[in-house]
Amino acid sequence: MAELKYEIKETIGVLSENAKGWTKEFNRVSWNDYPPKYDIREWSPDHSRMGKGVTLSDEEFENLKKLINGENVEIGDDVDESQII
């Protein structure tokens, strides 16, 4: 398996911390030298290990903000609406 390359470009905030010191963080992360995406996941205290998480493009992040604020989101033509819950 190829090595996963990542760099935390911006730390936005810590959402929580568990008893073992791992923190659930909201960051901008560059994965494998691609442009950074918004990212929510758990990290070990030294950021050498990580848990499963969610990455969001800029557009997905803006849509999430709208949904949290109770606004409607316009979905583009390239989305298969049958896959939306």
C-alpha atoms as a PDB file:
ATOM      1  CA  MET A   1       0.000   0.000   0.000  1.00  0.00           C
ATOM      2  CA  ALA A   2       1.298   3.453  -0.892  1.00  0.00           C
ATOM      3  CA  GLU A   3       2.206   5.747   1.954  1.00  0.00           C
ATOM      4  CA  LEU A   4      -0.373   8.400   2.743  1.00  0.00           C
ATOM      5  CA  LYS A   5       1.121  11.876   2.662  1.00  0.00           C
ATOM      6  CA  TYR A   6      -0.613  14.669   4.539  1.00  0.00           C
ATOM      7  CA  GLU A   7       0.043  18.149   5.841  1.00  0.00           C
ATOM      8  CA  ILE A   8      -2.224  20.134   8.152  1.00  0.00           C
ATOM      9  CA  LYS A   9      -2.241  23.534   6.453  1.00  0.00           C
ATOM     10  CA  GLU A  10      -4.591  25.299   8.897  1.00  0.00           C
ATOM     11  CA  THR A  11      -5.890  24.338  12.309  1.00  0.00           C
ATOM     12  CA  ILE A  12      -9.397  25.717  12.652  1.00  0.00           C
ATOM     13  CA  GLY A  13     -10.285  24.221  16.024  1.00  0.00           C
ATOM     14  CA  VAL A  14     -10.529  21.276  18.404  1.00  0.00           C
ATOM     15  CA  LEU A  15     -14.040  19.844  18.825  1.00  0.00           C
ATOM     16  CA  SER A  16     -13.323  17.401  21.677  1.00  0.00           C
ATOM     17  CA  GLU A  17     -10.650  15.351  23.438  1.00  0.00           C
ATOM     18  CA  ASN A  18     -10.903  11.774  24.680  1.00  0.00           C
ATOM     19  CA  ALA A  19      -9.335  10.193  27.784  1.00  0.00           C
ATOM     20  CA  LYS A  20      -6.290   8.998  25.807  1.00  0.00           C
ATOM     21  CA  GLY A  21      -5.495  12.522  24.604  1.00  0.00           C
ATOM     22  CA  TRP A  22      -6.723  12.100  21.037  1.00  0.00           C
ATOM     23  CA  THR A  23      -8.495  15.189  19.733  1.00  0.00           C
ATOM     24  CA  LYS A  24     -11.292  15.490  17.196  1.00  0.00           C
ATOM     25  CA  GLU A  25     -10.210  18.425  15.062  1.00  0.00           C
ATOM     26  CA  PHE A  26     -11.509  20.629  12.288  1.00  0.00           C
ATOM     27  CA  ASN A  27      -8.604  21.483   9.966  1.00  0.00           C
ATOM     28  CA  ARG A  28      -7.602  22.240   6.394  1.00  0.00           C
ATOM     29  CA  VAL A  29      -5.492  19.273   5.267  1.00  0.00           C
ATOM     30  CA  SER A  30      -3.552  18.642   2.067  1.00  0.00           C
ATOM     31  CA  TRP A  31      -3.657  14.934   1.178  1.00  0.00           C
ATOM     32  CA  ASN A  32      -0.944  13.597  -1.153  1.00  0.00           C
ATOM     33  CA  ASP A  33       0.080  17.126  -2.229  1.00  0.00           C
ATOM     34  CA  TYR A  34      -3.421  18.024  -3.468  1.00  0.00           C
ATOM     35  CA  PRO A  35      -5.015  21.371  -2.538  1.00  0.00           C
ATOM     36  CA  PRO A  36      -6.229  21.394   1.080  1.00  0.00           C
ATOM     37  CA  LYS A  37      -9.754  20.329   1.977  1.00  0.00           C
ATOM     38  CA  TYR A  38     -11.791  20.850   5.114  1.00  0.00           C
ATOM     39  CA  ASP A  39     -11.289  17.847   7.353  1.00  0.00           C
ATOM     40  CA  ILE A  40     -12.867  16.479  10.548  1.00  0.00           C
ATOM     41  CA  ARG A  41     -11.161  13.516  12.244  1.00  0.00           C
ATOM     42  CA  GLU A  42      -9.453  12.316  15.419  1.00  0.00           C
ATOM     43  CA  TRP A  43      -5.699  12.814  15.773  1.00  0.00           C
ATOM     44  CA  SER A  44      -3.158  11.386  18.201  1.00  0.00           C
ATOM     45  CA  PRO A  45      -1.509  13.975  20.469  1.00  0.00           C
ATOM     46  CA  ASP A  46       1.559  14.272  18.175  1.00  0.00           C
ATOM     47  CA  HIS A  47      -0.506  14.097  14.940  1.00  0.00           C
ATOM     48  CA  SER A  48       1.456  11.023  13.787  1.00  0.00           C
ATOM     49  CA  ARG A  49      -1.695   8.868  13.720  1.00  0.00           C
ATOM     50  CA  MET A  50      -5.263   9.589  12.746  1.00  0.00           C
ATOM     51  CA  GLY A  51      -8.694   8.024  12.816  1.00  0.00           C
ATOM     52  CA  LYS A  52     -11.259   7.831  10.062  1.00  0.00           C
ATOM     53  CA  GLY A  53     -12.704  11.158   9.119  1.00  0.00           C
ATOM     54  CA  VAL A  54     -14.603  13.266   6.648  1.00  0.00           C
ATOM     55  CA  THR A  55     -13.120  15.607   4.050  1.00  0.00           C
ATOM     56  CA  LEU A  56     -15.109  18.327   2.359  1.00  0.00           C
ATOM     57  CA  SER A  57     -14.377  20.438  -0.706  1.00  0.00           C
ATOM     58  CA  ASP A  58     -14.895  24.188  -0.402  1.00  0.00           C
ATOM     59  CA  GLU A  59     -18.309  23.834  -2.081  1.00  0.00           C
ATOM     60  CA  GLU A  60     -19.365  20.994   0.234  1.00  0.00           C
ATOM     61  CA  PHE A  61     -18.280  23.019   3.257  1.00  0.00           C
ATOM     62  CA  GLU A  62     -20.326  26.022   2.092  1.00  0.00           C
ATOM     63  CA  ASN A  63     -23.346  23.738   1.574  1.00  0.00           C
ATOM     64  CA  LEU A  64     -22.890  22.270   5.062  1.00  0.00           C
ATOM     65  CA  LYS A  65     -22.831  25.772   6.574  1.00  0.00           C
ATOM     66  CA  LYS A  66     -26.064  26.596   4.747  1.00  0.00           C
ATOM     67  CA  LEU A  67     -27.739  23.404   5.971  1.00  0.00           C
ATOM     68  CA  ILE A  68     -26.681  24.065   9.572  1.00  0.00           C
ATOM     69  CA  ASN A  69     -28.143  27.569   9.273  1.00  0.00           C
ATOM     70  CA  GLY A  70     -31.433  26.156   7.968  1.00  0.00           C
ATOM     71  CA  GLU A  71     -30.923  27.403   4.419  1.00  0.00           C
ATOM     72  CA  ASN A  72     -31.734  25.520   1.224  1.00  0.00           C
ATOM     73  CA  VAL A  73     -28.870  24.159  -0.835  1.00  0.00           C
ATOM     74  CA  GLU A  74     -28.882  24.217  -4.628  1.00  0.00           C
ATOM     75  CA  ILE A  75     -27.451  20.933  -5.932  1.00  0.00           C
ATOM     76  CA  GLY A  76     -25.642  21.103  -9.278  1.00  0.00           C
ATOM     77  CA  ASP A  77     -26.486  18.992 -12.309  1.00  0.00           C
ATOM     78  CA  ASP A  78     -23.499  16.697 -11.690  1.00  0.00           C
ATOM     79  CA  VAL A  79     -25.040  15.199  -8.516  1.00  0.00           C
ATOM     80  CA  ASP A  80     -27.125  12.016  -8.653  1.00  0.00           C
ATOM     81  CA  GLU A  81     -30.127  13.159  -6.604  1.00  0.00           C
ATOM     82  CA  SER A  82     -31.251   9.549  -6.055  1.00  0.00           C
ATOM     83  CA  GLN A  83     -28.213   9.157  -3.757  1.00  0.00           C
ATOM     84  CA  ILE A  84     -29.240  12.055  -1.491  1.00  0.00           C
ATOM     85  CA  ILE A  85     -30.907  11.045   1.759  1.00  0.00           C
END
